[in-house]
Amino acid sequence: MSATADLHAMGQSIWLDNITRDMLNEGTIKDFIDTMSVTGLTSNPSIFQKAIAGSREYDDSIKTHLEAGLTGESLFFELAIEDLPPGL
């Protein structure tokens, strides 16, 4: 059993504090859940800004939301919600 599985078995919740759309689309998050007992995800605006700046994965979605009139906090929340994996 891995160290993270041992921690999970003892009731410790293991959270990942660095999520990006690339990690979601490539299956990295699912792999962390399946193999490392990750049970939660968290982010914040600075982590999210780094994810957006470091990837082209968000460009189409940003463009769509801007065309719909979203800006600032509303745009941020729409993008963040899109990155929530189903079932978590």
C-alpha atoms as a PDB file:
ATOM      1  CA  MET A   1       0.000   0.000   0.000  1.00  0.00           C
ATOM      2  CA  SER A   2       1.327   3.472  -0.848  1.00  0.00           C
ATOM      3  CA  ALA A   3       1.993   6.101   1.811  1.00  0.00           C
ATOM      4  CA  THR A   4      -0.941   8.170   0.562  1.00  0.00           C
ATOM      5  CA  ALA A   5      -3.235   5.126   0.686  1.00  0.00           C
ATOM      6  CA  ASP A   6      -2.073   4.490   4.262  1.00  0.00           C
ATOM      7  CA  LEU A   7      -2.890   8.091   5.189  1.00  0.00           C
ATOM      8  CA  HIS A   8      -6.288   7.821   3.526  1.00  0.00           C
ATOM      9  CA  ALA A   9      -7.019   4.589   5.417  1.00  0.00           C
ATOM     10  CA  MET A  10      -6.272   6.447   8.664  1.00  0.00           C
ATOM     11  CA  GLY A  11      -8.860   9.074   7.771  1.00  0.00           C
ATOM     12  CA  GLN A  12      -6.575  11.753   6.349  1.00  0.00           C
ATOM     13  CA  SER A  13      -7.991  13.686   3.409  1.00  0.00           C
ATOM     14  CA  ILE A  14      -5.416  14.299   0.717  1.00  0.00           C
ATOM     15  CA  TRP A  15      -5.993  17.426  -1.322  1.00  0.00           C
ATOM     16  CA  LEU A  16      -4.281  18.661  -4.451  1.00  0.00           C
ATOM     17  CA  ASP A  17      -3.627  22.394  -4.405  1.00  0.00           C
ATOM     18  CA  ASN A  18      -2.667  22.804  -8.022  1.00  0.00           C
ATOM     19  CA  ILE A  19      -5.194  22.019 -10.711  1.00  0.00           C
ATOM     20  CA  THR A  20      -5.143  23.010 -14.344  1.00  0.00           C
ATOM     21  CA  ARG A  21      -7.385  22.238 -17.278  1.00  0.00           C
ATOM     22  CA  ASP A  22      -4.467  20.358 -18.860  1.00  0.00           C
ATOM     23  CA  MET A  23      -4.321  18.053 -15.838  1.00  0.00           C
ATOM     24  CA  LEU A  24      -8.053  17.431 -16.125  1.00  0.00           C
ATOM     25  CA  ASN A  25      -8.032  16.848 -19.884  1.00  0.00           C
ATOM     26  CA  GLU A  26      -4.961  14.595 -19.811  1.00  0.00           C
ATOM     27  CA  GLY A  27      -6.303  12.420 -16.984  1.00  0.00           C
ATOM     28  CA  THR A  28      -3.685  13.463 -14.445  1.00  0.00           C
ATOM     29  CA  ILE A  29      -6.290  14.377 -11.823  1.00  0.00           C
ATOM     30  CA  LYS A  30      -8.097  11.061 -12.303  1.00  0.00           C
ATOM     31  CA  ASP A  31      -4.789   9.249 -11.932  1.00  0.00           C
ATOM     32  CA  PHE A  32      -4.061  11.114  -8.681  1.00  0.00           C
ATOM     33  CA  ILE A  33      -7.500  10.126  -7.385  1.00  0.00           C
ATOM     34  CA  ASP A  34      -7.108   6.493  -8.453  1.00  0.00           C
ATOM     35  CA  THR A  35      -3.488   5.907  -7.449  1.00  0.00           C
ATOM     36  CA  MET A  36      -2.693   8.440  -4.728  1.00  0.00           C
ATOM     37  CA  SER A  37      -6.014   8.573  -2.848  1.00  0.00           C
ATOM     38  CA  VAL A  38      -6.551  12.277  -3.575  1.00  0.00           C
ATOM     39  CA  THR A  39      -9.983  13.152  -2.209  1.00  0.00           C
ATOM     40  CA  GLY A  40     -10.179  16.892  -2.792  1.00  0.00           C
ATOM     41  CA  LEU A  41      -8.999  19.737  -4.954  1.00  0.00           C
ATOM     42  CA  THR A  42      -8.463  23.365  -4.158  1.00  0.00           C
ATOM     43  CA  SER A  43      -7.310  26.421  -5.983  1.00  0.00           C
ATOM     44  CA  ASN A  44      -7.161  30.165  -5.592  1.00  0.00           C
ATOM     45  CA  PRO A  45      -7.019  33.121  -7.976  1.00  0.00           C
ATOM     46  CA  SER A  46      -3.204  33.217  -8.133  1.00  0.00           C
ATOM     47  CA  ILE A  47      -2.940  29.480  -8.875  1.00  0.00           C
ATOM     48  CA  PHE A  48      -5.708  29.835 -11.439  1.00  0.00           C
ATOM     49  CA  GLN A  49      -3.990  32.831 -13.058  1.00  0.00           C
ATOM     50  CA  LYS A  50      -0.795  30.792 -13.406  1.00  0.00           C
ATOM     51  CA  ALA A  51      -2.756  27.914 -14.974  1.00  0.00           C
ATOM     52  CA  ILE A  52      -4.386  30.256 -17.497  1.00  0.00           C
ATOM     53  CA  ALA A  53      -1.146  32.049 -18.339  1.00  0.00           C
ATOM     54  CA  GLY A  54       0.725  28.769 -18.798  1.00  0.00           C
ATOM     55  CA  SER A  55      -1.750  27.104 -21.137  1.00  0.00           C
ATOM     56  CA  ARG A  56      -3.780  27.729 -24.261  1.00  0.00           C
ATOM     57  CA  GLU A  57      -6.492  25.389 -22.914  1.00  0.00           C
ATOM     58  CA  TYR A  58      -8.529  28.296 -21.546  1.00  0.00           C
ATOM     59  CA  ASP A  59      -8.434  30.577 -24.614  1.00  0.00           C
ATOM     60  CA  ASP A  60     -11.640  29.421 -26.332  1.00  0.00           C
ATOM     61  CA  SER A  61     -13.614  29.442 -23.106  1.00  0.00           C
ATOM     62  CA  ILE A  62     -12.359  32.902 -22.157  1.00  0.00           C
ATOM     63  CA  LYS A  63     -13.283  34.224 -25.594  1.00  0.00           C
ATOM     64  CA  THR A  64     -16.782  32.729 -25.365  1.00  0.00           C
ATOM     65  CA  HIS A  65     -17.401  34.188 -21.915  1.00  0.00           C
ATOM     66  CA  LEU A  66     -16.028  37.603 -22.890  1.00  0.00           C
ATOM     67  CA  GLU A  67     -18.336  37.647 -25.918  1.00  0.00           C
ATOM     68  CA  ALA A  68     -21.215  36.860 -23.542  1.00  0.00           C
ATOM     69  CA  GLY A  69     -20.283  39.926 -21.508  1.00  0.00           C
ATOM     70  CA  LEU A  70     -18.582  38.274 -18.547  1.00  0.00           C
ATOM     71  CA  THR A  71     -15.561  39.955 -16.994  1.00  0.00           C
ATOM     72  CA  GLY A  72     -13.675  39.978 -13.723  1.00  0.00           C
ATOM     73  CA  GLU A  73     -15.010  37.803 -10.938  1.00  0.00           C
ATOM     74  CA  SER A  74     -17.912  36.433 -13.013  1.00  0.00           C
ATOM     75  CA  LEU A  75     -15.494  35.258 -15.707  1.00  0.00           C
ATOM     76  CA  PHE A  76     -13.183  33.746 -13.091  1.00  0.00           C
ATOM     77  CA  PHE A  77     -15.986  31.736 -11.486  1.00  0.00           C
ATOM     78  CA  GLU A  78     -17.308  30.440 -14.817  1.00  0.00           C
ATOM     79  CA  LEU A  79     -13.834  29.230 -15.812  1.00  0.00           C
ATOM     80  CA  ALA A  80     -13.237  27.694 -12.390  1.00  0.00           C
ATOM     81  CA  ILE A  81     -16.570  25.862 -12.446  1.00  0.00           C
ATOM     82  CA  GLU A  82     -15.724  24.406 -15.858  1.00  0.00           C
ATOM     83  CA  ASP A  83     -12.625  22.857 -14.268  1.00  0.00           C
ATOM     84  CA  LEU A  84     -14.502  21.030 -11.538  1.00  0.00           C
ATOM     85  CA  PRO A  85     -14.227  17.313 -12.232  1.00  0.00           C
ATOM     86  CA  PRO A  86     -17.559  15.489 -12.163  1.00  0.00           C
ATOM     87  CA  GLY A  87     -18.178  13.445  -9.046  1.00  0.00           C
ATOM     88  CA  LEU A  88     -15.656  15.199  -6.851  1.00  0.00           C
END
